[in-house]
Amino acid sequence: MSSRRLNVFSHCAKSPWFSRTWSDNAFYSEYAGRLVLQSLGNDTTEEYWTLRKSVGLFDVPERPVEIKGRDAVKFLNCVLTRPVDKLRVGRGSYGLLCHQGGGLVCDGILFKLAEDHFWYVHADADVFLWLVAHALDYAVEIHDPRSWVLQVQGPKSMAVLANACDGGAPDEFRYFDAFQGRMGGQAVLVSRTGWSAELGFEVYNMDPDVDGPALWDHLMAAGADSGILGCGQASMNIRRIEGGILNYRTDMDWNTTPYDMGLGMFVDLESHDFIGRDALRNASKEPRFCGFKCEDRQIRFGSSVILNEQSVGRVTAYEISPYLECGVGFVLLDSSEFIAADGFSIADRDGVDCPVELVELPFYDAEKNIPRGLDPVDGKIE
């Protein structure tokens, strides 16, 4: 992307490692007020297979908010749909924020750094202002830690972690664990999480004045023997669809409830009061979101889902899967009653109807054995 084209996103914040990914061939978009590296200009399918078979380094835009203080747990119980009382220090947990009407404000991962100290790493929404607005009656401080994240994802990622950590990686580092340490002399938070449905970890700078190029170079050197490759988010997007990972704003938004999205397991209506609980008690519990498969045709985001010549929903995500050798995507239907129907179609980019099959998510590895580092029953890559 030329400098002139990049000026379209001049209002967006650039990551600390921007200088290591920038080129005239790179392609960017905007997310959460930050510049998103969609592609370095390489072949997306090649990057996808790097992610599946080796290891990729991704510059991604999710951002943390810091919640700290005597009432941190009490406050988080008020805003999150699941209580956090039992979350242990050094662990993360997927958490949803809802508004009073039961719709989703955002989703993210809550990390417990100390008994009264948390980071909530969230998607594309103004979570900072939402939390500040609801913190008035609580003894908490809400801060922007000015942290960015790098994701190291793929089956060889743990070898990279062992090389990258000053003094070596922890002896035990389980799925959704997190620890504070140093890489190349710089303070970082490392979590066993990611957006790829692959084995991997994420690195957050703890110092706002991080030497970004040095941290990027350090991770690339740590992964040299593993064949690490800098990758764009376009290749990760294919994999997150296969893995059934949702994206706020495109797949779900202010007008969808957790139940609409099949996320009811992350709502606890009985153990605590939280913003949106009353509305969710009365909301339909049936999901109207699912996956679909089709021929490897080109389908536009936002296309109508057709049943009996009537539009009954829309496409929220779509890619062609190199592994499954077909088109895969998500649909949000107007009503849960359509889930059990047959005979759906979606017009491709040429306006030709493409039959689609609705499927449960994820497309494979339902037990999440791959990101847990276990031998998957299905989805194994030789």
Protein backbone atom coordinates (compact mmCIF):
# COMPACT_ATOMS: atom_id res chain seq x y z
CA MET A 1 0.00 0.00 0.00
CA SER A 2 1.50 3.34 -0.99
CA SER A 3 1.97 6.16 1.52
CA ARG A 4 -0.80 8.05 -0.25
CA ARG A 5 -3.27 5.20 0.26
CA LEU A 6 -2.14 4.81 3.87
CA ASN A 7 -3.17 8.44 4.49
CA VAL A 8 -6.78 7.22 4.47
CA PHE A 9 -6.00 5.73 7.88
CA SER A 10 -3.89 8.62 9.16
CA HIS A 11 -6.20 8.95 12.19
CA CYS A 12 -5.44 5.37 13.27
CA ALA A 13 -2.76 4.53 15.81
CA LYS A 14 0.14 2.46 14.46
CA SER A 15 1.55 -0.47 16.40
CA PRO A 16 5.02 -0.23 17.99
CA TRP A 17 6.28 -2.77 15.41
CA PHE A 18 4.79 -0.99 12.39
CA SER A 19 8.24 -0.36 10.89
CA ARG A 20 8.83 -4.12 10.71
CA THR A 21 5.68 -4.84 8.67
CA TRP A 22 5.37 -1.76 6.48
CA SER A 23 6.00 -2.04 2.75
CA ASP A 24 4.43 -0.71 -0.44
CA ASN A 25 2.76 -4.12 -0.82
CA ALA A 26 1.18 -4.20 2.64
CA PHE A 27 -2.59 -3.79 3.01
CA TYR A 28 -4.21 -2.24 6.06
CA SER A 29 -7.67 -1.61 7.51
CA GLU A 30 -9.03 -0.05 10.72
CA TYR A 31 -10.10 -1.76 13.93
CA ALA A 32 -10.71 -0.25 17.37
CA GLY A 33 -9.05 2.98 16.24
CA ARG A 34 -5.89 1.08 15.34
CA LEU A 35 -4.27 0.23 12.05
CA VAL A 36 -4.76 -3.45 11.18
CA LEU A 37 -2.20 -5.32 9.10
CA GLN A 38 -4.42 -7.42 6.82
CA SER A 39 -1.62 -8.54 4.51
CA LEU A 40 2.11 -8.03 4.09
CA GLY A 41 1.59 -8.59 0.38
CA ASN A 42 2.39 -12.31 0.52
CA ASP A 43 0.20 -15.17 -0.66
CA THR A 44 -2.63 -15.57 1.86
CA THR A 45 -2.93 -19.32 1.29
CA GLU A 46 0.80 -19.75 1.91
CA GLU A 47 0.47 -17.82 5.17
CA TYR A 48 -2.53 -19.97 6.13
CA TRP A 49 -0.46 -23.16 5.75
CA THR A 50 2.36 -21.55 7.73
CA LEU A 51 -0.13 -21.02 10.54
CA ARG A 52 -1.41 -24.61 10.28
CA LYS A 53 1.95 -26.39 9.92
CA SER A 54 4.61 -24.09 11.38
CA VAL A 55 4.29 -20.74 13.17
CA GLY A 56 3.28 -17.20 12.26
CA LEU A 57 3.83 -13.84 13.93
CA PHE A 58 0.79 -11.54 13.73
CA ASP A 59 0.40 -7.83 14.51
CA VAL A 60 -3.22 -7.58 15.74
CA PRO A 61 -5.25 -4.61 17.05
CA GLU A 62 -7.12 -5.83 20.16
CA ARG A 63 -6.57 -3.53 23.14
CA PRO A 64 -6.56 -4.00 26.92
CA VAL A 65 -8.27 -1.90 29.58
CA GLU A 66 -6.88 -2.05 33.10
CA ILE A 67 -9.25 -2.43 36.07
CA LYS A 68 -7.56 -2.06 39.44
CA GLY A 69 -8.64 -1.41 43.02
CA ARG A 70 -10.36 -2.71 46.15
CA ASP A 71 -13.71 -3.21 44.37
CA ALA A 72 -12.30 -4.68 41.16
CA VAL A 73 -14.00 -8.07 41.54
CA LYS A 74 -17.27 -6.53 42.69
CA PHE A 75 -17.25 -4.12 39.76
CA LEU A 76 -16.43 -6.79 37.18
CA ASN A 77 -19.25 -8.94 38.51
CA CYS A 78 -21.58 -6.02 37.79
CA VAL A 79 -20.54 -5.60 34.15
CA LEU A 80 -19.70 -9.15 33.04
CA THR A 81 -22.26 -11.87 32.39
CA ARG A 82 -20.27 -14.45 34.41
CA PRO A 83 -18.88 -13.91 37.92
CA VAL A 84 -15.12 -13.60 38.29
CA ASP A 85 -14.82 -14.49 42.00
CA LYS A 86 -13.20 -17.86 41.28
CA LEU A 87 -10.78 -16.66 38.59
CA ARG A 88 -7.25 -17.30 39.82
CA VAL A 89 -4.25 -15.02 39.44
CA GLY A 90 -2.43 -15.96 36.26
CA ARG A 91 -5.55 -17.13 34.44
CA GLY A 92 -7.74 -15.70 31.70
CA SER A 93 -11.45 -16.10 31.05
CA TYR A 94 -13.67 -15.23 28.08
CA GLY A 95 -16.15 -12.56 29.17
CA LEU A 96 -19.14 -10.71 27.69
CA LEU A 97 -20.38 -7.20 28.37
CA CYS A 98 -24.11 -6.55 27.83
CA HIS A 99 -26.19 -3.39 27.99
CA GLN A 100 -29.48 -3.01 29.85
CA GLY A 101 -31.43 -4.37 26.87
CA GLY A 102 -29.41 -7.60 26.82
CA GLY A 103 -27.46 -6.84 23.64
CA LEU A 104 -23.70 -7.23 23.44
CA VAL A 105 -21.53 -4.22 24.19
CA CYS A 106 -18.39 -6.22 23.43
CA ASP A 107 -16.54 -9.47 24.08
CA GLY A 108 -13.03 -10.09 25.28
CA ILE A 109 -10.70 -11.99 27.59
CA LEU A 110 -10.27 -11.01 31.22
CA PHE A 111 -6.82 -11.67 32.71
CA LYS A 112 -6.24 -11.61 36.46
CA LEU A 113 -2.79 -10.14 37.14
CA ALA A 114 -3.23 -9.81 40.93
CA GLU A 115 -6.06 -10.08 43.45
CA ASP A 116 -7.22 -6.53 42.71
CA HIS A 117 -5.67 -6.07 39.25
CA PHE A 118 -7.18 -7.15 35.91
CA TRP A 119 -6.80 -6.54 32.19
CA TYR A 120 -9.80 -6.90 29.91
CA VAL A 121 -8.58 -7.36 26.33
CA HIS A 122 -11.44 -6.40 24.07
CA ALA A 123 -12.56 -6.13 20.49
CA ASP A 124 -13.73 -3.13 18.44
CA ALA A 125 -15.89 -1.13 20.87
CA ASP A 126 -15.36 1.78 23.26
CA VAL A 127 -15.07 -0.44 26.30
CA PHE A 128 -12.94 2.09 28.18
CA LEU A 129 -15.74 4.67 28.29
CA TRP A 130 -18.35 1.99 29.04
CA LEU A 131 -16.41 0.83 32.09
CA VAL A 132 -15.65 4.36 33.30
CA ALA A 133 -19.34 5.26 33.02
CA HIS A 134 -20.35 2.36 35.27
CA ALA A 135 -17.50 2.59 37.80
CA LEU A 136 -18.75 5.65 39.67
CA ASP A 137 -19.92 3.78 42.79
CA TYR A 138 -16.93 1.43 42.98
CA ALA A 139 -13.43 1.81 44.42
CA VAL A 140 -11.71 1.04 41.13
CA GLU A 141 -9.44 2.81 38.69
CA ILE A 142 -9.90 2.32 34.94
CA HIS A 143 -6.80 2.96 32.82
CA ASP A 144 -5.59 2.53 29.28
CA PRO A 145 -2.25 0.71 29.75
CA ARG A 146 -1.27 1.66 26.17
CA SER A 147 -0.48 -1.93 25.40
CA TRP A 148 -0.38 -3.68 22.04
CA VAL A 149 -0.39 -7.35 21.23
CA LEU A 150 1.57 -9.72 19.04
CA GLN A 151 0.24 -13.20 18.42
CA VAL A 152 2.57 -16.16 17.85
CA GLN A 153 0.37 -18.94 16.51
CA GLY A 154 0.93 -22.41 15.07
CA PRO A 155 2.02 -25.92 16.10
CA LYS A 156 5.64 -24.81 16.61
CA SER A 157 4.75 -21.79 18.76
CA MET A 158 5.78 -23.32 22.08
CA ALA A 159 9.33 -23.76 20.79
CA VAL A 160 9.34 -20.04 19.98
CA LEU A 161 8.08 -19.25 23.49
CA ALA A 162 10.87 -21.28 25.09
CA ASN A 163 13.48 -19.35 23.11
CA ALA A 164 11.83 -15.94 23.52
CA CYS A 165 11.38 -15.84 27.31
CA ASP A 166 14.33 -14.50 29.27
CA GLY A 167 15.24 -17.45 31.49
CA GLY A 168 12.97 -19.83 29.59
CA ALA A 169 9.23 -20.46 29.53
CA PRO A 170 7.27 -21.58 32.62
CA ASP A 171 7.32 -25.31 33.32
CA GLU A 172 3.53 -25.38 33.12
CA PHE A 173 1.69 -23.07 30.73
CA ARG A 174 -1.86 -24.24 30.12
CA TYR A 175 -4.54 -23.02 27.75
CA PHE A 176 -5.71 -19.59 29.03
CA ASP A 177 -2.82 -19.27 31.48
CA ALA A 178 -0.98 -15.92 31.63
CA PHE A 179 2.25 -14.72 33.23
CA GLN A 180 4.29 -11.56 33.50
CA GLY A 181 7.88 -11.90 32.36
CA ARG A 182 10.53 -10.47 30.08
CA MET A 183 11.47 -11.00 26.46
CA GLY A 184 14.69 -9.50 25.22
CA GLY A 185 14.88 -7.51 28.46
CA GLN A 186 11.42 -5.96 27.98
CA ALA A 187 8.48 -6.44 30.36
CA VAL A 188 5.60 -8.39 28.80
CA LEU A 189 2.39 -10.19 29.67
CA VAL A 190 2.19 -13.56 27.89
CA SER A 191 -1.03 -15.55 27.55
CA ARG A 192 -1.83 -18.99 26.09
CA THR A 193 -4.56 -17.54 23.90
CA GLY A 194 -5.10 -16.42 20.32
CA TRP A 195 -7.57 -15.74 17.52
CA SER A 196 -6.51 -18.61 15.29
CA ALA A 197 -7.89 -21.82 16.90
CA GLU A 198 -4.28 -23.06 16.73
CA LEU A 199 -1.72 -23.69 19.46
CA GLY A 200 -0.20 -20.34 20.31
CA PHE A 201 0.44 -17.44 22.65
CA GLU A 202 0.04 -13.67 22.79
CA VAL A 203 2.56 -11.06 23.91
CA TYR A 204 1.47 -7.72 25.44
CA ASN A 205 3.95 -4.94 26.20
CA MET A 206 3.72 -3.88 29.87
CA ASP A 207 5.74 -0.71 29.26
CA PRO A 208 3.98 1.92 27.09
CA ASP A 209 7.42 2.98 25.83
CA VAL A 210 8.23 -0.49 24.50
CA ASP A 211 10.96 -0.80 21.88
CA GLY A 212 8.62 -2.34 19.32
CA PRO A 213 11.12 -3.14 16.57
CA ALA A 214 13.41 -4.83 19.09
CA LEU A 215 10.58 -7.01 20.44
CA TRP A 216 9.50 -8.00 16.92
CA ASP A 217 13.11 -8.86 16.00
CA HIS A 218 13.52 -10.82 19.23
CA LEU A 219 10.48 -13.00 18.45
CA MET A 220 11.58 -13.52 14.86
CA ALA A 221 15.03 -14.62 16.06
CA ALA A 222 13.44 -16.93 18.65
CA GLY A 223 11.40 -18.56 15.89
CA ALA A 224 14.10 -18.76 13.23
CA ASP A 225 14.68 -22.51 13.71
CA SER A 226 10.90 -23.09 13.61
CA GLY A 227 10.43 -21.28 10.29
CA ILE A 228 8.51 -18.35 11.76
CA LEU A 229 6.93 -16.00 9.22
CA GLY A 230 5.40 -12.56 9.67
CA CYS A 231 1.76 -12.90 8.56
CA GLY A 232 -1.27 -10.71 7.97
CA GLN A 233 -4.66 -11.04 9.58
CA ALA A 234 -6.30 -12.18 6.32
CA SER A 235 -4.77 -15.63 6.71
CA MET A 236 -5.77 -15.81 10.38
CA ASN A 237 -9.33 -14.83 9.42
CA ILE A 238 -9.73 -18.06 7.43
CA ARG A 239 -8.60 -20.10 10.41
CA ARG A 240 -10.77 -18.28 12.95
CA ILE A 241 -13.83 -18.98 10.79
CA GLU A 242 -12.92 -22.68 10.64
CA GLY A 243 -12.53 -22.58 14.42
CA GLY A 244 -15.88 -20.85 15.00
CA ILE A 245 -14.33 -17.75 16.59
CA LEU A 246 -16.64 -14.72 16.43
CA ASN A 247 -15.71 -11.12 15.64
CA TYR A 248 -17.46 -8.20 17.32
CA ARG A 249 -19.16 -5.72 14.94
CA THR A 250 -19.24 -8.09 11.96
CA ASP A 251 -20.65 -11.29 13.48
CA MET A 252 -22.28 -9.84 16.60
CA ASP A 253 -23.10 -6.35 17.80
CA TRP A 254 -25.21 -4.14 20.09
CA ASN A 255 -28.41 -5.67 18.71
CA THR A 256 -27.56 -9.35 19.26
CA THR A 257 -27.78 -11.13 22.59
CA PRO A 258 -25.36 -13.83 23.76
CA TYR A 259 -28.14 -16.37 23.15
CA ASP A 260 -28.57 -15.21 19.54
CA MET A 261 -24.90 -16.01 18.98
CA GLY A 262 -24.86 -19.40 20.71
CA LEU A 263 -22.90 -17.95 23.64
CA GLY A 264 -25.39 -18.78 26.36
CA MET A 265 -22.78 -20.88 28.22
CA PHE A 266 -21.01 -17.59 29.05
CA VAL A 267 -24.09 -16.16 30.81
CA ASP A 268 -24.88 -16.98 34.44
CA LEU A 269 -28.34 -15.67 35.33
CA GLU A 270 -28.45 -17.17 38.81
CA SER A 271 -25.24 -16.47 40.71
CA HIS A 272 -24.95 -12.68 40.44
CA ASP A 273 -26.64 -9.52 39.26
CA PHE A 274 -25.16 -7.80 36.22
CA ILE A 275 -26.09 -5.19 33.64
CA GLY A 276 -28.57 -6.76 31.22
CA ARG A 277 -29.55 -9.73 33.39
CA ASP A 278 -33.24 -8.84 33.59
CA ALA A 279 -33.50 -8.48 29.82
CA LEU A 280 -31.63 -11.75 29.26
CA ARG A 281 -33.96 -13.62 31.61
CA ASN A 282 -36.79 -12.83 29.21
CA ALA A 283 -34.84 -13.18 25.97
CA SER A 284 -35.15 -16.11 23.60
CA LYS A 285 -32.54 -18.72 24.42
CA GLU A 286 -32.47 -20.21 20.91
CA PRO A 287 -29.46 -19.32 18.70
CA ARG A 288 -29.92 -17.81 15.25
CA PHE A 289 -26.24 -17.86 14.30
CA CYS A 290 -24.42 -20.78 12.67
CA GLY A 291 -21.84 -21.79 10.09
CA PHE A 292 -22.33 -22.76 6.48
CA LYS A 293 -20.46 -24.64 3.78
CA CYS A 294 -20.69 -24.23 0.02
CA GLU A 295 -18.71 -24.62 -3.18
CA ASP A 296 -15.53 -22.54 -3.35
CA ARG A 297 -17.34 -19.56 -4.86
CA GLN A 298 -16.77 -15.86 -4.17
CA ILE A 299 -19.43 -14.56 -1.78
CA ARG A 300 -19.70 -11.05 -0.40
CA PHE A 301 -19.85 -10.18 3.28
CA GLY A 302 -23.40 -9.01 4.06
CA SER A 303 -25.05 -11.04 1.30
CA SER A 304 -28.63 -12.17 1.92
CA VAL A 305 -29.40 -15.75 2.89
CA ILE A 306 -32.32 -16.92 0.75
CA LEU A 307 -34.95 -19.51 1.71
CA ASN A 308 -38.04 -20.05 -0.47
CA GLU A 309 -37.16 -16.90 -2.44
CA GLN A 310 -37.19 -14.79 0.75
CA SER A 311 -34.28 -13.19 2.59
CA VAL A 312 -34.02 -14.78 6.05
CA GLY A 313 -30.59 -13.56 7.18
CA ARG A 314 -27.18 -12.34 6.11
CA VAL A 315 -23.60 -13.51 5.74
CA THR A 316 -21.35 -12.15 8.50
CA ALA A 317 -18.09 -13.85 7.44
CA TYR A 318 -16.83 -15.89 4.52
CA GLU A 319 -13.58 -17.35 3.22
CA ILE A 320 -12.48 -20.29 1.09
CA SER A 321 -10.85 -22.90 3.32
CA PRO A 322 -7.66 -24.44 1.87
CA TYR A 323 -7.97 -27.33 4.34
CA LEU A 324 -11.65 -28.15 3.82
CA GLU A 325 -11.43 -27.25 0.12
CA CYS A 326 -14.76 -25.44 0.13
CA GLY A 327 -16.31 -22.14 1.09
CA VAL A 328 -16.92 -21.63 4.83
CA GLY A 329 -18.72 -18.82 6.57
CA PHE A 330 -21.12 -17.59 9.21
CA VAL A 331 -24.75 -16.53 8.87
CA LEU A 332 -26.96 -14.56 11.25
CA LEU A 333 -30.58 -15.52 10.63
CA ASP A 334 -33.56 -13.29 11.32
CA SER A 335 -35.12 -15.96 13.54
CA SER A 336 -33.96 -19.16 15.21
CA GLU A 337 -36.85 -21.02 13.56
CA PHE A 338 -34.93 -21.09 10.27
CA ILE A 339 -31.98 -23.07 11.70
CA ALA A 340 -33.66 -26.43 11.06
CA ALA A 341 -34.72 -25.60 7.48
CA ASP A 342 -33.17 -26.87 4.23
CA GLY A 343 -32.76 -25.34 0.81
CA PHE A 344 -30.75 -22.19 1.59
CA SER A 345 -28.83 -20.28 -1.07
CA ILE A 346 -26.64 -17.19 -1.29
CA ALA A 347 -25.89 -15.25 -4.47
CA ASP A 348 -22.18 -15.19 -5.34
CA ARG A 349 -20.33 -12.14 -6.65
CA ASP A 350 -21.58 -12.87 -10.17
CA GLY A 351 -25.18 -12.95 -8.97
CA VAL A 352 -25.48 -16.71 -9.41
CA ASP A 353 -27.29 -18.58 -6.62
CA CYS A 354 -25.00 -20.84 -4.61
CA PRO A 355 -26.62 -23.61 -2.50
CA VAL A 356 -25.35 -23.64 1.09
CA GLU A 357 -25.50 -26.14 3.93
CA LEU A 358 -25.92 -24.83 7.48
CA VAL A 359 -23.55 -26.51 9.94
CA GLU A 360 -22.77 -26.36 13.65
CA LEU A 361 -19.64 -24.52 14.72
CA PRO A 362 -16.75 -25.08 14.75
CA PHE A 363 -16.16 -26.75 11.40
CA TYR A 364 -13.74 -29.21 13.08
CA ASP A 365 -11.88 -29.79 16.35
CA ALA A 366 -14.99 -29.20 18.47
CA GLU A 367 -13.08 -30.16 21.64
CA LYS A 368 -10.43 -27.47 20.96
CA ASN A 369 -7.66 -30.04 21.16
CA ILE A 370 -5.52 -28.12 18.68
CA PRO A 371 -5.14 -24.89 20.73
CA ARG A 372 -4.74 -27.01 23.87
CA GLY A 373 -1.76 -28.73 22.29
CA LEU A 374 -3.43 -32.14 22.29
CA ASP A 375 -3.56 -34.58 19.41
CA PRO A 376 -6.86 -33.68 17.70
CA VAL A 377 -9.35 -36.36 16.81
CA ASP A 378 -10.06 -34.53 13.58
CA GLY A 379 -8.44 -31.61 11.82
CA LYS A 380 -4.95 -33.12 12.13
CA ILE A 381 -2.42 -31.68 9.71
CA GLU A 382 0.24 -34.10 8.55
